[in-house]
PDB file of all heavy atoms in Angstrom:
ATOM      1  N   LEU A   1     280.877  99.557 125.207  1.00  0.00           N
ATOM      2  CA  LEU A   1     281.572  99.495 126.490  1.00  0.00           C
ATOM      3  C   LEU A   1     282.864  98.728 126.252  1.00  0.00           C
ATOM      4  O   LEU A   1     282.835  97.524 125.969  1.00  0.00           O
ATOM      5  CB  LEU A   1     280.715  98.792 127.543  1.00  0.00           C
ATOM      6  CG  LEU A   1     279.346  99.413 127.845  1.00  0.00           C
ATOM      7  CD1 LEU A   1     278.563  98.528 128.809  1.00  0.00           C
ATOM      8  CD2 LEU A   1     279.498 100.816 128.411  1.00  0.00           C
ATOM      9  N   THR A   2     284.011  99.414 126.354  1.00  0.00           N
ATOM     10  CA  THR A   2     285.286  98.773 126.027  1.00  0.00           C
ATOM     11  C   THR A   2     286.309  99.029 127.117  1.00  0.00           C
ATOM     12  O   THR A   2     286.343 100.101 127.740  1.00  0.00           O
ATOM     13  CB  THR A   2     285.847  99.303 124.690  1.00  0.00           C
ATOM     14  OG1 THR A   2     286.095 100.706 124.806  1.00  0.00           O
ATOM     15  CG2 THR A   2     284.866  99.046 123.556  1.00  0.00           C
ATOM     16  N   ALA A   3     287.170  98.043 127.338  1.00  0.00           N
ATOM     17  CA  ALA A   3     288.360  98.177 128.177  1.00  0.00           C
ATOM     18  C   ALA A   3     289.570  98.102 127.261  1.00  0.00           C
ATOM     19  O   ALA A   3     289.659  97.216 126.403  1.00  0.00           O
ATOM     20  CB  ALA A   3     288.409  97.071 129.230  1.00  0.00           C
ATOM     21  N   ASN A   4     290.545  99.016 127.454  1.00  0.00           N
ATOM     22  CA  ASN A   4     291.633  99.173 126.494  1.00  0.00           C
ATOM     23  C   ASN A   4     292.983  99.192 127.202  1.00  0.00           C
ATOM     24  O   ASN A   4     293.108  99.650 128.349  1.00  0.00           O
ATOM     25  CB  ASN A   4     291.455 100.474 125.705  1.00  0.00           C
ATOM     26  CG  ASN A   4     290.093 100.585 125.067  1.00  0.00           C
ATOM     27  OD1 ASN A   4     289.851 100.062 124.002  1.00  0.00           O
ATOM     28  ND2 ASN A   4     289.183 101.272 125.749  1.00  0.00           N
ATOM     29  N   LYS A   5     294.005  98.739 126.494  1.00  0.00           N
ATOM     30  CA  LYS A   5     295.393  98.821 126.961  1.00  0.00           C
ATOM     31  C   LYS A   5     296.238  99.336 125.821  1.00  0.00           C
ATOM     32  O   LYS A   5     296.146  98.858 124.692  1.00  0.00           O
ATOM     33  CB  LYS A   5     295.912  97.443 127.396  1.00  0.00           C
ATOM     34  CG  LYS A   5     297.389  97.461 127.795  1.00  0.00           C
ATOM     35  CD  LYS A   5     297.931  96.075 128.016  1.00  0.00           C
ATOM     36  CE  LYS A   5     299.415  96.143 128.374  1.00  0.00           C
ATOM     37  NZ  LYS A   5     300.230  96.750 127.287  1.00  0.00           N
ATOM     38  N   GLU A   6     297.096 100.315 126.143  1.00  0.00           N
ATOM     39  CA  GLU A   6     297.959 100.889 125.131  1.00  0.00           C
ATOM     40  C   GLU A   6     299.355 100.278 125.209  1.00  0.00           C
ATOM     41  O   GLU A   6     299.822  99.896 126.289  1.00  0.00           O
ATOM     42  CB  GLU A   6     298.054 102.401 125.297  1.00  0.00           C
ATOM     43  CG  GLU A   6     296.828 103.147 124.837  1.00  0.00           C
ATOM     44  CD  GLU A   6     297.098 104.632 124.665  1.00  0.00           C
ATOM     45  OE1 GLU A   6     298.213 105.059 124.998  1.00  0.00           O
ATOM     46  OE2 GLU A   6     296.180 105.323 124.195  1.00  0.00           O
ATOM     47  N   SER A   7     300.031 100.239 124.083  1.00  0.00           N
ATOM     48  CA  SER A   7     301.407  99.757 124.025  1.00  0.00           C
ATOM     49  C   SER A   7     302.353 100.808 124.603  1.00  0.00           C
ATOM     50  O   SER A   7     302.157 102.019 124.417  1.00  0.00           O
ATOM     51  CB  SER A   7     301.779  99.439 122.581  1.00  0.00           C
ATOM     52  OG  SER A   7     303.170  99.201 122.470  1.00  0.00           O
ATOM     53  N   GLN A   8     303.378 100.348 125.267  1.00  0.00           N
ATOM     54  CA  GLN A   8     304.388 101.268 125.788  1.00  0.00           C
ATOM     55  C   GLN A   8     305.153 101.953 124.670  1.00  0.00           C
ATOM     56  O   GLN A   8     305.725 103.020 124.852  1.00  0.00           O
ATOM     57  CB  GLN A   8     305.369 100.489 126.692  1.00  0.00           C
ATOM     58  CG  GLN A   8     304.804 100.089 128.037  1.00  0.00           C
ATOM     59  CD  GLN A   8     304.675 101.272 128.977  1.00  0.00           C
ATOM     60  OE1 GLN A   8     305.213 102.348 128.705  1.00  0.00           O
ATOM     61  NE2 GLN A   8     303.938 101.095 130.065  1.00  0.00           N
ATOM     62  N   HIS A   9     305.160 101.341 123.520  1.00  0.00           N
ATOM     63  CA  HIS A   9     305.935 101.886 122.404  1.00  0.00           C
ATOM     64  C   HIS A   9     305.034 102.412 121.287  1.00  0.00           C
ATOM     65  O   HIS A   9     305.432 102.417 120.129  1.00  0.00           O
ATOM     66  CB  HIS A   9     306.884 100.816 121.862  1.00  0.00           C
ATOM     67  CG  HIS A   9     307.867 100.334 122.861  1.00  0.00           C
ATOM     68  ND1 HIS A   9     308.984 101.046 123.240  1.00  0.00           N
ATOM     69  CD2 HIS A   9     307.884  99.191 123.618  1.00  0.00           C
ATOM     70  CE1 HIS A   9     309.662 100.381 124.150  1.00  0.00           C
ATOM     71  NE2 HIS A   9     309.011  99.249 124.406  1.00  0.00           N
ATOM     72  N   ARG A  10     303.844 102.805 121.635  1.00  0.00           N
ATOM     73  CA  ARG A  10     302.985 103.430 120.628  1.00  0.00           C
ATOM     74  C   ARG A  10     303.602 104.755 120.198  1.00  0.00           C
ATOM     75  O   ARG A  10     304.083 105.520 121.037  1.00  0.00           O
ATOM     76  CB  ARG A  10     301.588 103.660 121.195  1.00  0.00           C
ATOM     77  CG  ARG A  10     300.601 104.232 120.179  1.00  0.00           C
ATOM     78  CD  ARG A  10     299.214 104.350 120.779  1.00  0.00           C
ATOM     79  NE  ARG A  10     299.161 105.335 121.852  1.00  0.00           N
ATOM     80  CZ  ARG A  10     299.000 106.659 121.638  1.00  0.00           C
ATOM     81  NH1 ARG A  10     298.882 107.111 120.412  1.00  0.00           N
ATOM     82  NH2 ARG A  10     298.964 107.486 122.646  1.00  0.00           N
ATOM     83  N   PRO A  11     303.626 105.062 118.913  1.00  0.00           N
ATOM     84  CA  PRO A  11     304.231 106.328 118.469  1.00  0.00           C
ATOM     85  C   PRO A  11     303.574 107.515 119.153  1.00  0.00           C
ATOM     86  O   PRO A  11     302.363 107.554 119.352  1.00  0.00           O
ATOM     87  CB  PRO A  11     303.975 106.330 116.960  1.00  0.00           C
ATOM     88  CG  PRO A  11     303.852 104.884 116.615  1.00  0.00           C
ATOM     89  CD  PRO A  11     303.200 104.234 117.799  1.00  0.00           C
ATOM     90  N   PHE A  12     304.456 108.487 119.518  1.00  0.00           N
ATOM     91  CA  PHE A  12     304.039 109.757 120.114  1.00  0.00           C
ATOM     92  C   PHE A  12     303.390 109.576 121.489  1.00  0.00           C
ATOM     93  O   PHE A  12     302.683 110.446 121.973  1.00  0.00           O
ATOM     94  CB  PHE A  12     303.068 110.520 119.195  1.00  0.00           C
ATOM     95  CG  PHE A  12     303.595 110.744 117.828  1.00  0.00           C
ATOM     96  CD1 PHE A  12     303.077 110.038 116.746  1.00  0.00           C
ATOM     97  CD2 PHE A  12     304.631 111.637 117.596  1.00  0.00           C
ATOM     98  CE1 PHE A  12     303.567 110.234 115.475  1.00  0.00           C
ATOM     99  CE2 PHE A  12     305.130 111.828 116.321  1.00  0.00           C
ATOM    100  CZ  PHE A  12     304.608 111.133 115.266  1.00  0.00           C
ATOM    101  N   ARG A  13     303.600 108.434 122.095  1.00  0.00           N
ATOM    102  CA  ARG A  13     303.055 108.219 123.435  1.00  0.00           C
ATOM    103  C   ARG A  13     303.940 108.915 124.463  1.00  0.00           C
ATOM    104  O   ARG A  13     305.156 108.771 124.445  1.00  0.00           O
ATOM    105  CB  ARG A  13     302.977 106.724 123.724  1.00  0.00           C
ATOM    106  CG  ARG A  13     302.622 106.372 125.181  1.00  0.00           C
ATOM    107  CD  ARG A  13     302.493 104.868 125.326  1.00  0.00           C
ATOM    108  NE  ARG A  13     302.551 104.473 126.726  1.00  0.00           N
ATOM    109  CZ  ARG A  13     301.503 104.510 127.539  1.00  0.00           C
ATOM    110  NH1 ARG A  13     300.343 104.910 127.078  1.00  0.00           N
ATOM    111  NH2 ARG A  13     301.628 104.150 128.804  1.00  0.00           N
ATOM    112  N   LYS A  14     303.340 109.656 125.375  1.00  0.00           N
ATOM    113  CA  LYS A  14     304.082 110.286 126.460  1.00  0.00           C
ATOM    114  C   LYS A  14     304.428 109.227 127.508  1.00  0.00           C
ATOM    115  O   LYS A  14     303.632 108.349 127.801  1.00  0.00           O
ATOM    116  CB  LYS A  14     303.259 111.398 127.099  1.00  0.00           C
ATOM    117  CG  LYS A  14     303.015 112.573 126.177  1.00  0.00           C
ATOM    118  CD  LYS A  14     302.234 113.652 126.888  1.00  0.00           C
ATOM    119  CE  LYS A  14     301.991 114.844 125.961  1.00  0.00           C
ATOM    120  NZ  LYS A  14     301.221 115.913 126.641  1.00  0.00           N
ATOM    121  N   SER A  15     305.647 109.346 128.098  1.00  0.00           N
ATOM    122  CA  SER A  15     306.068 108.364 129.089  1.00  0.00           C
ATOM    123  C   SER A  15     306.875 109.049 130.184  1.00  0.00           C
ATOM    124  O   SER A  15     307.041 110.280 130.183  1.00  0.00           O
ATOM    125  CB  SER A  15     306.874 107.245 128.429  1.00  0.00           C
ATOM    126  OG  SER A  15     308.112 107.771 127.972  1.00  0.00           O
ATOM    127  N   ASN A  16     307.426 108.244 131.064  1.00  0.00           N
ATOM    128  CA  ASN A  16     308.236 108.798 132.137  1.00  0.00           C
ATOM    129  C   ASN A  16     309.715 108.833 131.776  1.00  0.00           C
ATOM    130  O   ASN A  16     310.589 108.698 132.607  1.00  0.00           O
ATOM    131  CB  ASN A  16     308.030 108.000 133.431  1.00  0.00           C
ATOM    132  CG  ASN A  16     308.378 106.528 133.239  1.00  0.00           C
ATOM    133  OD1 ASN A  16     308.633 106.091 132.132  1.00  0.00           O
ATOM    134  ND2 ASN A  16     308.375 105.787 134.361  1.00  0.00           N
ATOM    135  N   ARG A  17     310.035 108.991 130.474  1.00  0.00           N
ATOM    136  CA  ARG A  17     311.407 109.171 130.011  1.00  0.00           C
ATOM    137  C   ARG A  17     311.576 110.593 129.501  1.00  0.00           C
ATOM    138  O   ARG A  17     310.652 111.181 128.960  1.00  0.00           O
ATOM    139  CB  ARG A  17     311.746 108.174 128.904  1.00  0.00           C
ATOM    140  CG  ARG A  17     311.712 106.707 129.364  1.00  0.00           C
ATOM    141  CD  ARG A  17     312.175 105.757 128.280  1.00  0.00           C
ATOM    142  NE  ARG A  17     311.340 105.872 127.091  1.00  0.00           N
ATOM    143  CZ  ARG A  17     311.597 105.240 125.933  1.00  0.00           C
ATOM    144  NH1 ARG A  17     312.683 104.493 125.821  1.00  0.00           N
ATOM    145  NH2 ARG A  17     310.786 105.375 124.913  1.00  0.00           N
ATOM    146  N   ALA A  18     312.778 111.157 129.610  1.00  0.00           N
ATOM    147  CA  ALA A  18     313.015 112.537 129.168  1.00  0.00           C
ATOM    148  C   ALA A  18     314.399 112.643 128.542  1.00  0.00           C
ATOM    149  O   ALA A  18     315.283 111.824 128.809  1.00  0.00           O
ATOM    150  CB  ALA A  18     312.885 113.498 130.346  1.00  0.00           C
ATOM    151  N   PHE A  19     314.599 113.629 127.676  1.00  0.00           N
ATOM    152  CA  PHE A  19     315.906 113.859 127.059  1.00  0.00           C
ATOM    153  C   PHE A  19     316.847 114.547 128.056  1.00  0.00           C
ATOM    154  O   PHE A  19     316.429 115.431 128.818  1.00  0.00           O
ATOM    155  CB  PHE A  19     315.760 114.743 125.826  1.00  0.00           C
ATOM    156  CG  PHE A  19     315.309 113.987 124.613  1.00  0.00           C
ATOM    157  CD1 PHE A  19     314.015 114.102 124.171  1.00  0.00           C
ATOM    158  CD2 PHE A  19     316.203 113.179 123.916  1.00  0.00           C
ATOM    159  CE1 PHE A  19     313.601 113.426 123.057  1.00  0.00           C
ATOM    160  CE2 PHE A  19     315.772 112.500 122.793  1.00  0.00           C
ATOM    161  CZ  PHE A  19     314.474 112.613 122.358  1.00  0.00           C
ATOM    162  N   THR A  20     318.107 114.140 128.007  1.00  0.00           N
ATOM    163  CA  THR A  20     319.167 114.845 128.761  1.00  0.00           C
ATOM    164  C   THR A  20     319.691 115.969 127.892  1.00  0.00           C
ATOM    165  O   THR A  20     319.444 115.998 126.678  1.00  0.00           O
ATOM    166  CB  THR A  20     320.307 113.884 129.111  1.00  0.00           C
ATOM    167  OG1 THR A  20     320.944 113.446 127.914  1.00  0.00           O
ATOM    168  CG2 THR A  20     319.767 112.673 129.897  1.00  0.00           C
ATOM    169  N   PRO A  21     320.415 116.905 128.465  1.00  0.00           N
ATOM    170  CA  PRO A  21     321.013 117.968 127.636  1.00  0.00           C
ATOM    171  C   PRO A  21     321.913 117.427 126.548  1.00  0.00           C
ATOM    172  O   PRO A  21     322.109 118.048 125.516  1.00  0.00           O
ATOM    173  CB  PRO A  21     321.790 118.806 128.661  1.00  0.00           C
ATOM    174  CG  PRO A  21     321.081 118.570 129.941  1.00  0.00           C
ATOM    175  CD  PRO A  21     320.621 117.143 129.898  1.00  0.00           C
ATOM    176  N   GLN A  22     322.502 116.268 126.773  1.00  0.00           N
ATOM    177  CA  GLN A  22     323.362 115.686 125.738  1.00  0.00           C
ATOM    178  C   GLN A  22     322.552 114.967 124.661  1.00  0.00           C
ATOM    179  O   GLN A  22     323.128 114.455 123.693  1.00  0.00           O
ATOM    180  CB  GLN A  22     324.347 114.694 126.378  1.00  0.00           C
ATOM    181  CG  GLN A  22     325.395 115.344 127.268  1.00  0.00           C
ATOM    182  CD  GLN A  22     324.812 115.702 128.623  1.00  0.00           C
ATOM    183  OE1 GLN A  22     323.765 115.170 128.986  1.00  0.00           O
ATOM    184  NE2 GLN A  22     325.480 116.604 129.353  1.00  0.00           N
ATOM    185  N   GLY A  23     321.242 114.895 124.765  1.00  0.00           N
ATOM    186  CA  GLY A  23     320.421 114.255 123.744  1.00  0.00           C
ATOM    187  C   GLY A  23     320.118 112.817 124.004  1.00  0.00           C
ATOM    188  O   GLY A  23     319.559 112.147 123.131  1.00  0.00           O
ATOM    189  N   TYR A  24     320.449 112.276 125.187  1.00  0.00           N
ATOM    190  CA  TYR A  24     320.186 110.880 125.489  1.00  0.00           C
ATOM    191  C   TYR A  24     318.973 110.774 126.405  1.00  0.00           C
ATOM    192  O   TYR A  24     318.637 111.697 127.141  1.00  0.00           O
ATOM    193  CB  TYR A  24     321.407 110.228 126.150  1.00  0.00           C
ATOM    194  CG  TYR A  24     322.624 110.224 125.277  1.00  0.00           C
ATOM    195  CD1 TYR A  24     323.623 111.170 125.482  1.00  0.00           C
ATOM    196  CD2 TYR A  24     322.773 109.276 124.254  1.00  0.00           C
ATOM    197  CE1 TYR A  24     324.755 111.194 124.670  1.00  0.00           C
ATOM    198  CE2 TYR A  24     323.884 109.297 123.445  1.00  0.00           C
ATOM    199  CZ  TYR A  24     324.875 110.249 123.646  1.00  0.00           C
ATOM    200  OH  TYR A  24     325.974 110.266 122.852  1.00  0.00           O
ATOM    201  N   PHE A  25     318.334 109.593 126.326  1.00  0.00           N
ATOM    202  CA  PHE A  25     317.202 109.322 127.205  1.00  0.00           C
ATOM    203  C   PHE A  25     317.697 108.987 128.605  1.00  0.00           C
ATOM    204  O   PHE A  25     318.638 108.223 128.759  1.00  0.00           O
ATOM    205  CB  PHE A  25     316.363 108.154 126.676  1.00  0.00           C
ATOM    206  CG  PHE A  25     315.448 108.554 125.574  1.00  0.00           C
ATOM    207  CD1 PHE A  25     315.638 108.069 124.302  1.00  0.00           C
ATOM    208  CD2 PHE A  25     314.388 109.419 125.823  1.00  0.00           C
ATOM    209  CE1 PHE A  25     314.779 108.431 123.287  1.00  0.00           C
ATOM    210  CE2 PHE A  25     313.543 109.784 124.809  1.00  0.00           C
ATOM    211  CZ  PHE A  25     313.726 109.287 123.538  1.00  0.00           C
ATOM    212  N   ASN A  26     317.064 109.562 129.579  1.00  0.00           N
ATOM    213  CA  ASN A  26     317.281 109.181 130.962  1.00  0.00           C
ATOM    214  C   ASN A  26     315.926 108.906 131.596  1.00  0.00           C
ATOM    215  O   ASN A  26     314.951 109.610 131.331  1.00  0.00           O
ATOM    216  CB  ASN A  26     317.986 110.304 131.759  1.00  0.00           C
ATOM    217  CG  ASN A  26     319.490 110.277 131.539  1.00  0.00           C
ATOM    218  OD1 ASN A  26     320.041 109.277 131.106  1.00  0.00           O
ATOM    219  ND2 ASN A  26     320.152 111.397 131.859  1.00  0.00           N
ATOM    220  N   GLU A  27     315.850 107.875 132.383  1.00  0.00           N
ATOM    221  CA  GLU A  27     314.622 107.581 133.081  1.00  0.00           C
ATOM    222  C   GLU A  27     314.474 108.537 134.257  1.00  0.00           C
ATOM    223  O   GLU A  27     315.432 108.792 134.995  1.00  0.00           O
ATOM    224  CB  GLU A  27     314.638 106.137 133.608  1.00  0.00           C
ATOM    225  CG  GLU A  27     314.701 105.086 132.522  1.00  0.00           C
ATOM    226  CD  GLU A  27     313.424 105.054 131.709  1.00  0.00           C
ATOM    227  OE1 GLU A  27     312.388 105.497 132.230  1.00  0.00           O
ATOM    228  OE2 GLU A  27     313.472 104.592 130.549  1.00  0.00           O
ATOM    229  N   LEU A  28     313.325 109.167 134.362  1.00  0.00           N
ATOM    230  CA  LEU A  28     313.060 110.052 135.493  1.00  0.00           C
ATOM    231  C   LEU A  28     312.846 109.212 136.749  1.00  0.00           C
ATOM    232  O   LEU A  28     312.188 108.165 136.703  1.00  0.00           O
ATOM    233  CB  LEU A  28     311.837 110.910 135.216  1.00  0.00           C
ATOM    234  CG  LEU A  28     311.965 111.858 134.012  1.00  0.00           C
ATOM    235  CD1 LEU A  28     310.677 112.634 133.826  1.00  0.00           C
ATOM    236  CD2 LEU A  28     313.129 112.808 134.211  1.00  0.00           C
ATOM    237  N   THR A  29     313.424 109.678 137.760  1.00  0.00           N
ATOM    238  CA  THR A  29     313.367 108.885 138.971  1.00  0.00           C
ATOM    239  C   THR A  29     312.139 109.169 139.798  1.00  0.00           C
ATOM    240  O   THR A  29     311.774 108.368 140.661  1.00  0.00           O
ATOM    241  CB  THR A  29     314.610 109.173 139.832  1.00  0.00           C
ATOM    242  OG1 THR A  29     314.664 110.579 140.102  1.00  0.00           O
ATOM    243  CG2 THR A  29     315.881 108.740 139.116  1.00  0.00           C
ATOM    244  N   ASP A  30     311.473 110.304 139.517  1.00  0.00           N
ATOM    245  CA  ASP A  30     310.275 110.556 140.304  1.00  0.00           C
ATOM    246  C   ASP A  30     309.147 109.659 139.820  1.00  0.00           C
ATOM    247  O   ASP A  30     309.119 109.244 138.667  1.00  0.00           O
ATOM    248  CB  ASP A  30     309.853 112.026 140.218  1.00  0.00           C
ATOM    249  CG  ASP A  30     309.575 112.433 138.794  1.00  0.00           C
ATOM    250  OD1 ASP A  30     310.548 112.550 138.026  1.00  0.00           O
ATOM    251  OD2 ASP A  30     308.397 112.616 138.433  1.00  0.00           O
ATOM    252  N   ASN A  31     308.239 109.375 140.666  1.00  0.00           N
ATOM    253  CA  ASN A  31     307.152 108.458 140.350  1.00  0.00           C
ATOM    254  C   ASN A  31     305.865 109.203 140.013  1.00  0.00           C
ATOM    255  O   ASN A  31     304.782 108.794 140.414  1.00  0.00           O
ATOM    256  CB  ASN A  31     306.916 107.525 141.541  1.00  0.00           C
ATOM    257  CG  ASN A  31     308.103 106.627 141.780  1.00  0.00           C
ATOM    258  OD1 ASN A  31     308.714 106.162 140.827  1.00  0.00           O
ATOM    259  ND2 ASN A  31     308.420 106.396 143.049  1.00  0.00           N
ATOM    260  N   ARG A  32     305.993 110.284 139.249  1.00  0.00           N
ATOM    261  CA  ARG A  32     304.785 111.009 138.859  1.00  0.00           C
ATOM    262  C   ARG A  32     303.948 110.152 137.898  1.00  0.00           C
ATOM    263  O   ARG A  32     304.489 109.376 137.119  1.00  0.00           O
ATOM    264  CB  ARG A  32     305.145 112.345 138.210  1.00  0.00           C
ATOM    265  CG  ARG A  32     305.976 112.215 136.956  1.00  0.00           C
ATOM    266  CD  ARG A  32     306.386 113.576 136.413  1.00  0.00           C
ATOM    267  NE  ARG A  32     307.178 113.455 135.200  1.00  0.00           N
ATOM    268  CZ  ARG A  32     307.666 114.501 134.536  1.00  0.00           C
ATOM    269  NH1 ARG A  32     307.457 115.720 135.007  1.00  0.00           N
ATOM    270  NH2 ARG A  32     308.377 114.325 133.448  1.00  0.00           N
ATOM    271  N   PRO A  33     302.615 110.319 137.911  1.00  0.00           N
ATOM    272  CA  PRO A  33     301.749 109.474 137.049  1.00  0.00           C
ATOM    273  C   PRO A  33     301.925 109.815 135.578  1.00  0.00           C
ATOM    274  O   PRO A  33     302.299 110.930 135.205  1.00  0.00           O
ATOM    275  CB  PRO A  33     300.346 109.817 137.553  1.00  0.00           C
ATOM    276  CG  PRO A  33     300.470 111.176 138.140  1.00  0.00           C
ATOM    277  CD  PRO A  33     301.858 111.276 138.729  1.00  0.00           C
ATOM    278  N   LEU A  34     301.677 108.843 134.754  1.00  0.00           N
ATOM    279  CA  LEU A  34     301.732 109.056 133.298  1.00  0.00           C
ATOM    280  C   LEU A  34     300.568 109.918 132.839  1.00  0.00           C
ATOM    281  O   LEU A  34     299.466 109.856 133.387  1.00  0.00           O
ATOM    282  CB  LEU A  34     301.677 107.705 132.573  1.00  0.00           C
ATOM    283  CG  LEU A  34     302.819 106.725 132.875  1.00  0.00           C
ATOM    284  CD1 LEU A  34     302.550 105.418 132.166  1.00  0.00           C
ATOM    285  CD2 LEU A  34     304.161 107.305 132.472  1.00  0.00           C
ATOM    286  N   ASN A  35     300.801 110.730 131.792  1.00  0.00           N
ATOM    287  CA  ASN A  35     299.714 111.498 131.177  1.00  0.00           C
ATOM    288  C   ASN A  35     298.723 110.591 130.468  1.00  0.00           C
ATOM    289  O   ASN A  35     297.552 110.907 130.351  1.00  0.00           O
ATOM    290  CB  ASN A  35     300.278 112.532 130.209  1.00  0.00           C
ATOM    291  CG  ASN A  35     301.017 113.631 130.938  1.00  0.00           C
ATOM    292  OD1 ASN A  35     300.693 113.933 132.096  1.00  0.00           O
ATOM    293  ND2 ASN A  35     302.029 114.190 130.283  1.00  0.00           N
ATOM    294  N   GLU A  36     299.194 109.470 129.950  1.00  0.00           N
ATOM    295  CA  GLU A  36     298.338 108.524 129.233  1.00  0.00           C
ATOM    296  C   GLU A  36     298.461 107.172 129.924  1.00  0.00           C
ATOM    297  O   GLU A  36     299.524 106.555 129.899  1.00  0.00           O
ATOM    298  CB  GLU A  36     298.737 108.408 127.771  1.00  0.00           C
ATOM    299  CG  GLU A  36     298.579 109.709 127.007  1.00  0.00           C
ATOM    300  CD  GLU A  36     298.915 109.549 125.529  1.00  0.00           C
ATOM    301  OE1 GLU A  36     299.133 108.399 125.106  1.00  0.00           O
ATOM    302  OE2 GLU A  36     298.937 110.568 124.834  1.00  0.00           O
ATOM    303  N   PRO A  37     297.386 106.707 130.542  1.00  0.00           N
ATOM    304  CA  PRO A  37     297.476 105.450 131.281  1.00  0.00           C
ATOM    305  C   PRO A  37     297.588 104.261 130.341  1.00  0.00           C
ATOM    306  O   PRO A  37     297.221 104.316 129.168  1.00  0.00           O
ATOM    307  CB  PRO A  37     296.157 105.416 132.048  1.00  0.00           C
ATOM    308  CG  PRO A  37     295.226 106.216 131.215  1.00  0.00           C
ATOM    309  CD  PRO A  37     296.056 107.323 130.622  1.00  0.00           C
ATOM    310  N   ASP A  38     298.154 103.211 130.901  1.00  0.00           N
ATOM    311  CA  ASP A  38     298.243 101.970 130.106  1.00  0.00           C
ATOM    312  C   ASP A  38     296.882 101.325 129.932  1.00  0.00           C
ATOM    313  O   ASP A  38     296.567 100.771 128.874  1.00  0.00           O
ATOM    314  CB  ASP A  38     299.199 100.989 130.797  1.00  0.00           C
ATOM    315  CG  ASP A  38     300.640 101.475 130.726  1.00  0.00           C
ATOM    316  OD1 ASP A  38     300.928 102.278 129.820  1.00  0.00           O
ATOM    317  OD2 ASP A  38     301.433 101.055 131.567  1.00  0.00           O
ATOM    318  N   HIS A  39     296.057 101.377 130.942  1.00  0.00           N
ATOM    319  CA  HIS A  39     294.738 100.763 130.898  1.00  0.00           C
ATOM    320  C   HIS A  39     293.680 101.840 131.126  1.00  0.00           C
ATOM    321  O   HIS A  39     293.843 102.694 132.010  1.00  0.00           O
ATOM    322  CB  HIS A  39     294.599  99.668 131.968  1.00  0.00           C
ATOM    323  CG  HIS A  39     295.550  98.540 131.800  1.00  0.00           C
ATOM    324  ND1 HIS A  39     296.845  98.560 132.281  1.00  0.00           N
ATOM    325  CD2 HIS A  39     295.398  97.330 131.184  1.00  0.00           C
ATOM    326  CE1 HIS A  39     297.456  97.440 131.986  1.00  0.00           C
ATOM    327  NE2 HIS A  39     296.598  96.662 131.315  1.00  0.00           N
ATOM    328  N   TYR A  40     292.640 101.787 130.325  1.00  0.00           N
ATOM    329  CA  TYR A  40     291.565 102.772 130.495  1.00  0.00           C
ATOM    330  C   TYR A  40     290.285 102.216 129.870  1.00  0.00           C
ATOM    331  O   TYR A  40     290.310 101.340 129.008  1.00  0.00           O
ATOM    332  CB  TYR A  40     291.920 104.117 129.857  1.00  0.00           C
ATOM    333  CG  TYR A  40     292.156 104.051 128.365  1.00  0.00           C
ATOM    334  CD1 TYR A  40     291.121 104.267 127.458  1.00  0.00           C
ATOM    335  CD2 TYR A  40     293.426 103.763 127.864  1.00  0.00           C
ATOM    336  CE1 TYR A  40     291.333 104.194 126.098  1.00  0.00           C
ATOM    337  CE2 TYR A  40     293.651 103.681 126.511  1.00  0.00           C
ATOM    338  CZ  TYR A  40     292.594 103.903 125.622  1.00  0.00           C
ATOM    339  OH  TYR A  40     292.803 103.832 124.273  1.00  0.00           O
ATOM    340  N   GLY A  41     289.188 102.736 130.317  1.00  0.00           N
ATOM    341  CA  GLY A  41     287.895 102.390 129.728  1.00  0.00           C
ATOM    342  C   GLY A  41     287.420 103.482 128.780  1.00  0.00           C
ATOM    343  O   GLY A  41     287.767 104.656 128.937  1.00  0.00           O
ATOM    344  N   ASN A  42     286.648 103.090 127.795  1.00  0.00           N
ATOM    345  CA  ASN A  42     286.097 104.062 126.834  1.00  0.00           C
ATOM    346  C   ASN A  42     284.677 103.625 126.503  1.00  0.00           C
ATOM    347  O   ASN A  42     284.450 102.777 125.647  1.00  0.00           O
ATOM    348  CB  ASN A  42     286.945 104.114 125.569  1.00  0.00           C
ATOM    349  CG  ASN A  42     286.451 105.180 124.595  1.00  0.00           C
ATOM    350  OD1 ASN A  42     285.734 106.104 124.990  1.00  0.00           O
ATOM    351  ND2 ASN A  42     286.834 105.055 123.335  1.00  0.00           N
ATOM    352  N   ASN A  43     283.722 104.196 127.226  1.00  0.00           N
ATOM    353  CA  ASN A  43     282.322 103.806 127.093  1.00  0.00           C
ATOM    354  C   ASN A  43     281.542 104.928 126.431  1.00  0.00           C
ATOM    355  O   ASN A  43     281.660 106.100 126.815  1.00  0.00           O
ATOM    356  CB  ASN A  43     281.734 103.471 128.466  1.00  0.00           C
ATOM    357  CG  ASN A  43     282.516 102.353 129.141  1.00  0.00           C
ATOM    358  OD1 ASN A  43     282.998 101.435 128.474  1.00  0.00           O
ATOM    359  ND2 ASN A  43     282.649 102.432 130.461  1.00  0.00           N
ATOM    360  N   LEU A  44     280.753 104.573 125.431  1.00  0.00           N
ATOM    361  CA  LEU A  44     280.026 105.559 124.618  1.00  0.00           C
ATOM    362  C   LEU A  44     278.544 105.199 124.557  1.00  0.00           C
ATOM    363  O   LEU A  44     278.173 104.024 124.483  1.00  0.00           O
ATOM    364  CB  LEU A  44     280.583 105.607 123.194  1.00  0.00           C
ATOM    365  CG  LEU A  44     281.955 106.232 122.988  1.00  0.00           C
ATOM    366  CD1 LEU A  44     282.452 105.948 121.582  1.00  0.00           C
ATOM    367  CD2 LEU A  44     281.899 107.736 123.227  1.00  0.00           C
ATOM    368  N   LEU A  45     277.727 106.225 124.560  1.00  0.00           N
ATOM    369  CA  LEU A  45     276.293 106.094 124.298  1.00  0.00           C
ATOM    370  C   LEU A  45     275.905 107.285 123.439  1.00  0.00           C
ATOM    371  O   LEU A  45     275.875 108.431 123.928  1.00  0.00           O
ATOM    372  CB  LEU A  45     275.500 106.084 125.603  1.00  0.00           C
ATOM    373  CG  LEU A  45     273.974 105.997 125.435  1.00  0.00           C
ATOM    374  CD1 LEU A  45     273.578 104.694 124.758  1.00  0.00           C
ATOM    375  CD2 LEU A  45     273.276 106.129 126.789  1.00  0.00           C
TER     376      LEU A  45
END
């Protein structure tokens, strides 16, 4: 039974940032939920 927190800068982590056509990062202004939460439980039996 574990409680876990992921780093915001974990490699290949999906976030609420996206590339612009010019190749720069822009923060998305919509408040859609992250695909990978920062905190989650992982319980196994």
